[in-house]
Amino acid sequence: EVNPDLGEGVEEQVRDYAVRIFNAVDGNGLAR
């Protein structure tokens, strides 16, 4: 399911964490 109801602020936190982790491992191009 895309865009599930996660509660206030949760999606923003997930998106922030995803980019921070991607950068921490020196990611480039794509990742999930």
All heavy atoms as atom14 arrays in JSON, in Angstrom:
{
  "sequence": "EVNPDLGEGVEEQVRDYAVRIFNAVDGNGLAR",
  "atom14_mask": [
    [1, 1, 1, 1, 1, 1, 1, 1, 1, 0, 0, 0, 0, 0],
    [1, 1, 1, 1, 1, 1, 1, 0, 0, 0, 0, 0, 0, 0],
    [1, 1, 1, 1, 1, 1, 1, 1, 0, 0, 0, 0, 0, 0],
    [1, 1, 1, 1, 1, 1, 1, 0, 0, 0, 0, 0, 0, 0],
    [1, 1, 1, 1, 1, 1, 1, 1, 0, 0, 0, 0, 0, 0],
    [1, 1, 1, 1, 1, 1, 1, 1, 0, 0, 0, 0, 0, 0],
    [1, 1, 1, 1, 0, 0, 0, 0, 0, 0, 0, 0, 0, 0],
    [1, 1, 1, 1, 1, 1, 1, 1, 1, 0, 0, 0, 0, 0],
    [1, 1, 1, 1, 0, 0, 0, 0, 0, 0, 0, 0, 0, 0],
    [1, 1, 1, 1, 1, 1, 1, 0, 0, 0, 0, 0, 0, 0],
    [1, 1, 1, 1, 1, 1, 1, 1, 1, 0, 0, 0, 0, 0],
    [1, 1, 1, 1, 1, 1, 1, 1, 1, 0, 0, 0, 0, 0],
    [1, 1, 1, 1, 1, 1, 1, 1, 1, 0, 0, 0, 0, 0],
    [1, 1, 1, 1, 1, 1, 1, 0, 0, 0, 0, 0, 0, 0],
    [1, 1, 1, 1, 1, 1, 1, 1, 1, 1, 1, 0, 0, 0],
    [1, 1, 1, 1, 1, 1, 1, 1, 0, 0, 0, 0, 0, 0],
    [1, 1, 1, 1, 1, 1, 1, 1, 1, 1, 1, 1, 0, 0],
    [1, 1, 1, 1, 1, 0, 0, 0, 0, 0, 0, 0, 0, 0],
    [1, 1, 1, 1, 1, 1, 1, 0, 0, 0, 0, 0, 0, 0],
    [1, 1, 1, 1, 1, 1, 1, 1, 1, 1, 1, 0, 0, 0],
    [1, 1, 1, 1, 1, 1, 1, 1, 0, 0, 0, 0, 0, 0],
    [1, 1, 1, 1, 1, 1, 1, 1, 1, 1, 1, 0, 0, 0],
    [1, 1, 1, 1, 1, 1, 1, 1, 0, 0, 0, 0, 0, 0],
    [1, 1, 1, 1, 1, 0, 0, 0, 0, 0, 0, 0, 0, 0],
    [1, 1, 1, 1, 1, 1, 1, 0, 0, 0, 0, 0, 0, 0],
    [1, 1, 1, 1, 1, 1, 1, 1, 0, 0, 0, 0, 0, 0],
    [1, 1, 1, 1, 0, 0, 0, 0, 0, 0, 0, 0, 0, 0],
    [1, 1, 1, 1, 1, 1, 1, 1, 0, 0, 0, 0, 0, 0],
    [1, 1, 1, 1, 0, 0, 0, 0, 0, 0, 0, 0, 0, 0],
    [1, 1, 1, 1, 1, 1, 1, 1, 0, 0, 0, 0, 0, 0],
    [1, 1, 1, 1, 1, 0, 0, 0, 0, 0, 0, 0, 0, 0],
    [1, 1, 1, 1, 1, 1, 1, 1, 1, 1, 1, 0, 0, 0]
  ],
  "atom14_positions": [
    [[0.85, -1.19, 0.0], [0.0, 0.0, 0.0], [0.88, 1.24, 0.0], [1.81, 1.36, 0.81], [-0.89, 0.01, 1.24], [-1.83, 1.22, 1.32], [-2.69, 1.23, 2.57], [-2.72, 0.21, 3.28], [-3.3, 2.28, 2.84], [0.0, 0.0, 0.0], [0.0, 0.0, 0.0], [0.0, 0.0, 0.0], [0.0, 0.0, 0.0], [0.0, 0.0, 0.0]],
    [[0.61, 2.14, -0.93], [1.35, 3.39, -1.02], [0.58, 4.48, -0.26], [-0.64, 4.52, -0.28], [1.55, 3.8, -2.49], [2.24, 5.15, -2.6], [2.36, 2.74, -3.23], [0.0, 0.0, 0.0], [0.0, 0.0, 0.0], [0.0, 0.0, 0.0], [0.0, 0.0, 0.0], [0.0, 0.0, 0.0], [0.0, 0.0, 0.0], [0.0, 0.0, 0.0]],
    [[1.35, 5.31, 0.45], [0.78, 6.4, 1.25], [-0.19, 5.9, 2.34], [-1.31, 6.41, 2.46], [0.06, 7.43, 0.37], [1.03, 8.21, -0.5], [2.21, 8.34, -0.17], [0.54, 8.73, -1.61], [0.0, 0.0, 0.0], [0.0, 0.0, 0.0], [0.0, 0.0, 0.0], [0.0, 0.0, 0.0], [0.0, 0.0, 0.0], [0.0, 0.0, 0.0]],
    [[0.22, 4.94, 3.13], [-0.65, 4.51, 4.24], [-0.73, 5.6, 5.3], [0.14, 6.48, 5.39], [0.07, 3.27, 4.77], [1.51, 3.55, 4.49], [1.52, 4.27, 3.17], [0.0, 0.0, 0.0], [0.0, 0.0, 0.0], [0.0, 0.0, 0.0], [0.0, 0.0, 0.0], [0.0, 0.0, 0.0], [0.0, 0.0, 0.0], [0.0, 0.0, 0.0]],
    [[-1.74, 5.54, 6.12], [-1.87, 6.48, 7.24], [-0.97, 6.02, 8.37], [-1.21, 4.99, 9.01], [-3.33, 6.53, 7.7], [-3.55, 7.54, 8.83], [-2.6, 8.28, 9.16], [-4.66, 7.57, 9.39], [0.0, 0.0, 0.0], [0.0, 0.0, 0.0], [0.0, 0.0, 0.0], [0.0, 0.0, 0.0], [0.0, 0.0, 0.0], [0.0, 0.0, 0.0]],
    [[0.09, 6.77, 8.63], [1.07, 6.38, 9.64], [1.01, 7.24, 10.9], [1.68, 6.94, 11.88], [2.49, 6.47, 9.06], [2.76, 5.64, 7.81], [4.19, 5.87, 7.35], [2.52, 4.16, 8.07], [0.0, 0.0, 0.0], [0.0, 0.0, 0.0], [0.0, 0.0, 0.0], [0.0, 0.0, 0.0], [0.0, 0.0, 0.0], [0.0, 0.0, 0.0]],
    [[0.22, 8.27, 10.86], [0.19, 9.19, 11.99], [1.0, 10.45, 11.71], [1.84, 10.48, 10.81], [0.0, 0.0, 0.0], [0.0, 0.0, 0.0], [0.0, 0.0, 0.0], [0.0, 0.0, 0.0], [0.0, 0.0, 0.0], [0.0, 0.0, 0.0], [0.0, 0.0, 0.0], [0.0, 0.0, 0.0], [0.0, 0.0, 0.0], [0.0, 0.0, 0.0]],
    [[0.77, 11.46, 12.49], [1.37, 12.77, 12.25], [2.89, 12.73, 12.33], [3.47, 12.24, 13.3], [0.84, 13.78, 13.28], [1.3, 15.21, 13.02], [0.68, 16.21, 14.0], [-0.17, 15.79, 14.81], [1.06, 17.39, 13.95], [0.0, 0.0, 0.0], [0.0, 0.0, 0.0], [0.0, 0.0, 0.0], [0.0, 0.0, 0.0], [0.0, 0.0, 0.0]],
    [[3.52, 13.23, 11.29], [4.96, 13.39, 11.27], [5.77, 12.15, 10.97], [7.0, 12.24, 10.78], [0.0, 0.0, 0.0], [0.0, 0.0, 0.0], [0.0, 0.0, 0.0], [0.0, 0.0, 0.0], [0.0, 0.0, 0.0], [0.0, 0.0, 0.0], [0.0, 0.0, 0.0], [0.0, 0.0, 0.0], [0.0, 0.0, 0.0], [0.0, 0.0, 0.0]],
    [[5.13, 10.99, 10.88], [5.89, 9.75, 10.71], [6.49, 9.66, 9.31], [7.67, 9.29, 9.14], [5.01, 8.52, 11.0], [5.77, 7.23, 10.66], [4.58, 8.5, 12.45], [0.0, 0.0, 0.0], [0.0, 0.0, 0.0], [0.0, 0.0, 0.0], [0.0, 0.0, 0.0], [0.0, 0.0, 0.0], [0.0, 0.0, 0.0], [0.0, 0.0, 0.0]],
    [[5.72, 10.0, 8.28], [6.26, 9.92, 6.92], [7.48, 10.83, 6.77], [8.49, 10.43, 6.19], [5.2, 10.31, 5.88], [5.76, 10.29, 4.46], [4.73, 10.59, 3.39], [3.53, 10.32, 3.6], [5.14, 11.09, 2.31], [0.0, 0.0, 0.0], [0.0, 0.0, 0.0], [0.0, 0.0, 0.0], [0.0, 0.0, 0.0], [0.0, 0.0, 0.0]],
    [[7.41, 12.02, 7.31], [8.53, 12.96, 7.21], [9.77, 12.39, 7.9], [10.9, 12.53, 7.41], [8.16, 14.31, 7.82], [7.13, 15.11, 7.03], [5.72, 14.57, 7.15], [5.47, 13.71, 8.05], [4.85, 14.98, 6.35], [0.0, 0.0, 0.0], [0.0, 0.0, 0.0], [0.0, 0.0, 0.0], [0.0, 0.0, 0.0], [0.0, 0.0, 0.0]],
    [[9.56, 11.74, 9.04], [10.68, 11.14, 9.76], [11.3, 9.99, 8.97], [12.53, 9.88, 8.88], [10.22, 10.64, 11.13], [11.37, 10.16, 12.01], [10.91, 9.75, 13.39], [9.88, 9.08, 13.54], [11.65, 10.14, 14.41], [0.0, 0.0, 0.0], [0.0, 0.0, 0.0], [0.0, 0.0, 0.0], [0.0, 0.0, 0.0], [0.0, 0.0, 0.0]],
    [[10.45, 9.13, 8.38], [10.94, 8.02, 7.57], [11.76, 8.55, 6.39], [12.86, 8.05, 6.1], [9.77, 7.14, 7.08], [10.24, 6.16, 6.0], [9.15, 6.38, 8.24], [0.0, 0.0, 0.0], [0.0, 0.0, 0.0], [0.0, 0.0, 0.0], [0.0, 0.0, 0.0], [0.0, 0.0, 0.0], [0.0, 0.0, 0.0], [0.0, 0.0, 0.0]],
    [[11.25, 9.56, 5.72], [11.94, 10.12, 4.56], [13.28, 10.73, 4.96], [14.3, 10.57, 4.28], [11.06, 11.15, 3.86], [9.8, 10.54, 3.26], [8.87, 11.59, 2.64], [9.45, 12.16, 1.43], [9.77, 13.43, 1.28], [9.57, 14.29, 2.29], [10.28, 13.86, 0.15], [0.0, 0.0, 0.0], [0.0, 0.0, 0.0], [0.0, 0.0, 0.0]],
    [[13.31, 11.42, 6.1], [14.55, 12.0, 6.6], [15.56, 10.91, 6.94], [16.74, 10.99, 6.56], [14.26, 12.85, 7.83], [15.53, 13.37, 8.49], [16.25, 14.17, 7.86], [15.8, 12.98, 9.64], [0.0, 0.0, 0.0], [0.0, 0.0, 0.0], [0.0, 0.0, 0.0], [0.0, 0.0, 0.0], [0.0, 0.0, 0.0], [0.0, 0.0, 0.0]],
    [[15.12, 9.88, 7.64], [16.0, 8.78, 8.0], [16.55, 8.09, 6.75], [17.73, 7.71, 6.7], [15.26, 7.75, 8.86], [15.05, 8.13, 10.3], [15.51, 9.34, 10.82], [14.37, 7.27, 11.16], [15.31, 9.67, 12.16], [14.17, 7.59, 12.5], [14.63, 8.79, 12.99], [14.43, 9.1, 14.3], [0.0, 0.0, 0.0], [0.0, 0.0, 0.0]],
    [[15.69, 7.88, 5.76], [16.11, 7.17, 4.54], [17.26, 7.9, 3.85], [18.25, 7.27, 3.45], [14.92, 7.02, 3.59], [0.0, 0.0, 0.0], [0.0, 0.0, 0.0], [0.0, 0.0, 0.0], [0.0, 0.0, 0.0], [0.0, 0.0, 0.0], [0.0, 0.0, 0.0], [0.0, 0.0, 0.0], [0.0, 0.0, 0.0], [0.0, 0.0, 0.0]],
    [[17.15, 9.2, 3.73], [18.21, 9.98, 3.07], [19.48, 9.99, 3.93], [20.6, 9.86, 3.41], [17.73, 11.41, 2.78], [18.89, 12.29, 2.31], [16.63, 11.39, 1.72], [0.0, 0.0, 0.0], [0.0, 0.0, 0.0], [0.0, 0.0, 0.0], [0.0, 0.0, 0.0], [0.0, 0.0, 0.0], [0.0, 0.0, 0.0], [0.0, 0.0, 0.0]],
    [[19.33, 10.12, 5.24], [20.5, 10.14, 6.11], [21.27, 8.82, 6.05], [22.5, 8.79, 6.02], [20.08, 10.45, 7.55], [19.68, 11.9, 7.78], [19.11, 12.1, 9.18], [20.07, 11.72, 10.21], [19.76, 11.55, 11.49], [18.5, 11.71, 11.89], [20.69, 11.21, 12.37], [0.0, 0.0, 0.0], [0.0, 0.0, 0.0], [0.0, 0.0, 0.0]],
    [[20.54, 7.73, 6.03], [21.18, 6.41, 5.95], [21.83, 6.22, 4.59], [22.97, 5.72, 4.48], [20.15, 5.3, 6.25], [19.73, 5.38, 7.72], [20.72, 3.92, 5.93], [18.49, 4.57, 8.05], [0.0, 0.0, 0.0], [0.0, 0.0, 0.0], [0.0, 0.0, 0.0], [0.0, 0.0, 0.0], [0.0, 0.0, 0.0], [0.0, 0.0, 0.0]],
    [[21.16, 6.62, 3.54], [21.69, 6.55, 2.18], [23.01, 7.32, 2.09], [24.0, 6.82, 1.53], [20.66, 7.13, 1.21], [21.01, 7.05, -0.26], [20.88, 5.87, -0.95], [21.45, 8.18, -0.94], [21.18, 5.8, -2.31], [21.75, 8.12, -2.29], [21.61, 6.93, -2.98], [0.0, 0.0, 0.0], [0.0, 0.0, 0.0], [0.0, 0.0, 0.0]],
    [[23.04, 8.51, 2.65], [24.27, 9.31, 2.63], [25.36, 8.68, 3.5], [26.55, 8.73, 3.15], [23.99, 10.74, 3.1], [23.25, 11.56, 2.06], [23.39, 11.32, 0.86], [22.48, 12.54, 2.5], [0.0, 0.0, 0.0], [0.0, 0.0, 0.0], [0.0, 0.0, 0.0], [0.0, 0.0, 0.0], [0.0, 0.0, 0.0], [0.0, 0.0, 0.0]],
    [[24.97, 8.1, 4.63], [25.95, 7.54, 5.56], [26.72, 6.37, 4.95], [27.9, 6.17, 5.25], [25.26, 7.09, 6.84], [0.0, 0.0, 0.0], [0.0, 0.0, 0.0], [0.0, 0.0, 0.0], [0.0, 0.0, 0.0], [0.0, 0.0, 0.0], [0.0, 0.0, 0.0], [0.0, 0.0, 0.0], [0.0, 0.0, 0.0], [0.0, 0.0, 0.0]],
    [[26.06, 5.61, 4.08], [26.75, 4.48, 3.43], [27.39, 4.9, 2.11], [27.92, 4.06, 1.38], [25.79, 3.28, 3.2], [25.22, 2.77, 4.5], [24.67, 3.63, 2.21], [0.0, 0.0, 0.0], [0.0, 0.0, 0.0], [0.0, 0.0, 0.0], [0.0, 0.0, 0.0], [0.0, 0.0, 0.0], [0.0, 0.0, 0.0], [0.0, 0.0, 0.0]],
    [[27.36, 6.21, 1.81], [27.91, 6.76, 0.57], [27.12, 6.29, -0.65], [27.67, 5.95, -1.69], [29.39, 6.37, 0.43], [30.12, 7.18, -0.64], [29.73, 8.36, -0.84], [31.06, 6.66, -1.27], [0.0, 0.0, 0.0], [0.0, 0.0, 0.0], [0.0, 0.0, 0.0], [0.0, 0.0, 0.0], [0.0, 0.0, 0.0], [0.0, 0.0, 0.0]],
    [[25.79, 6.29, -0.5], [24.92, 5.85, -1.58], [24.94, 6.77, -2.78], [25.25, 7.96, -2.67], [0.0, 0.0, 0.0], [0.0, 0.0, 0.0], [0.0, 0.0, 0.0], [0.0, 0.0, 0.0], [0.0, 0.0, 0.0], [0.0, 0.0, 0.0], [0.0, 0.0, 0.0], [0.0, 0.0, 0.0], [0.0, 0.0, 0.0], [0.0, 0.0, 0.0]],
    [[24.6, 6.22, -3.93], [24.49, 7.0, -5.16], [23.56, 6.28, -6.12], [23.64, 5.05, -6.25], [25.86, 7.2, -5.81], [25.82, 8.21, -6.94], [25.39, 7.92, -8.04], [26.32, 9.42, -6.66], [0.0, 0.0, 0.0], [0.0, 0.0, 0.0], [0.0, 0.0, 0.0], [0.0, 0.0, 0.0], [0.0, 0.0, 0.0], [0.0, 0.0, 0.0]],
    [[22.69, 7.03, -6.76], [21.79, 6.45, -7.75], [20.46, 6.08, -7.16], [19.51, 6.86, -7.24], [0.0, 0.0, 0.0], [0.0, 0.0, 0.0], [0.0, 0.0, 0.0], [0.0, 0.0, 0.0], [0.0, 0.0, 0.0], [0.0, 0.0, 0.0], [0.0, 0.0, 0.0], [0.0, 0.0, 0.0], [0.0, 0.0, 0.0], [0.0, 0.0, 0.0]],
    [[20.38, 4.92, -6.53], [19.09, 4.49, -6.02], [19.28, 3.52, -4.86], [20.31, 2.87, -4.73], [18.26, 3.81, -7.11], [18.67, 2.4, -7.58], [17.5, 1.73, -8.3], [19.9, 2.42, -8.49], [0.0, 0.0, 0.0], [0.0, 0.0, 0.0], [0.0, 0.0, 0.0], [0.0, 0.0, 0.0], [0.0, 0.0, 0.0], [0.0, 0.0, 0.0]],
    [[18.27, 3.48, -4.02], [18.21, 2.5, -2.93], [16.81, 2.52, -2.36], [16.07, 3.51, -2.5], [19.23, 2.79, -1.83], [0.0, 0.0, 0.0], [0.0, 0.0, 0.0], [0.0, 0.0, 0.0], [0.0, 0.0, 0.0], [0.0, 0.0, 0.0], [0.0, 0.0, 0.0], [0.0, 0.0, 0.0], [0.0, 0.0, 0.0], [0.0, 0.0, 0.0]],
    [[16.43, 1.42, -1.74], [15.19, 1.36, -0.97], [15.58, 1.12, 0.48], [16.4, 0.25, 0.77], [14.31, 0.21, -1.47], [12.86, 0.28, -0.95], [12.12, -1.02, -1.16], [12.64, -2.07, -0.29], [13.09, -3.26, -0.73], [13.1, -3.55, -2.01], [13.55, -4.15, 0.13], [0.0, 0.0, 0.0], [0.0, 0.0, 0.0], [0.0, 0.0, 0.0]]
  ]
}
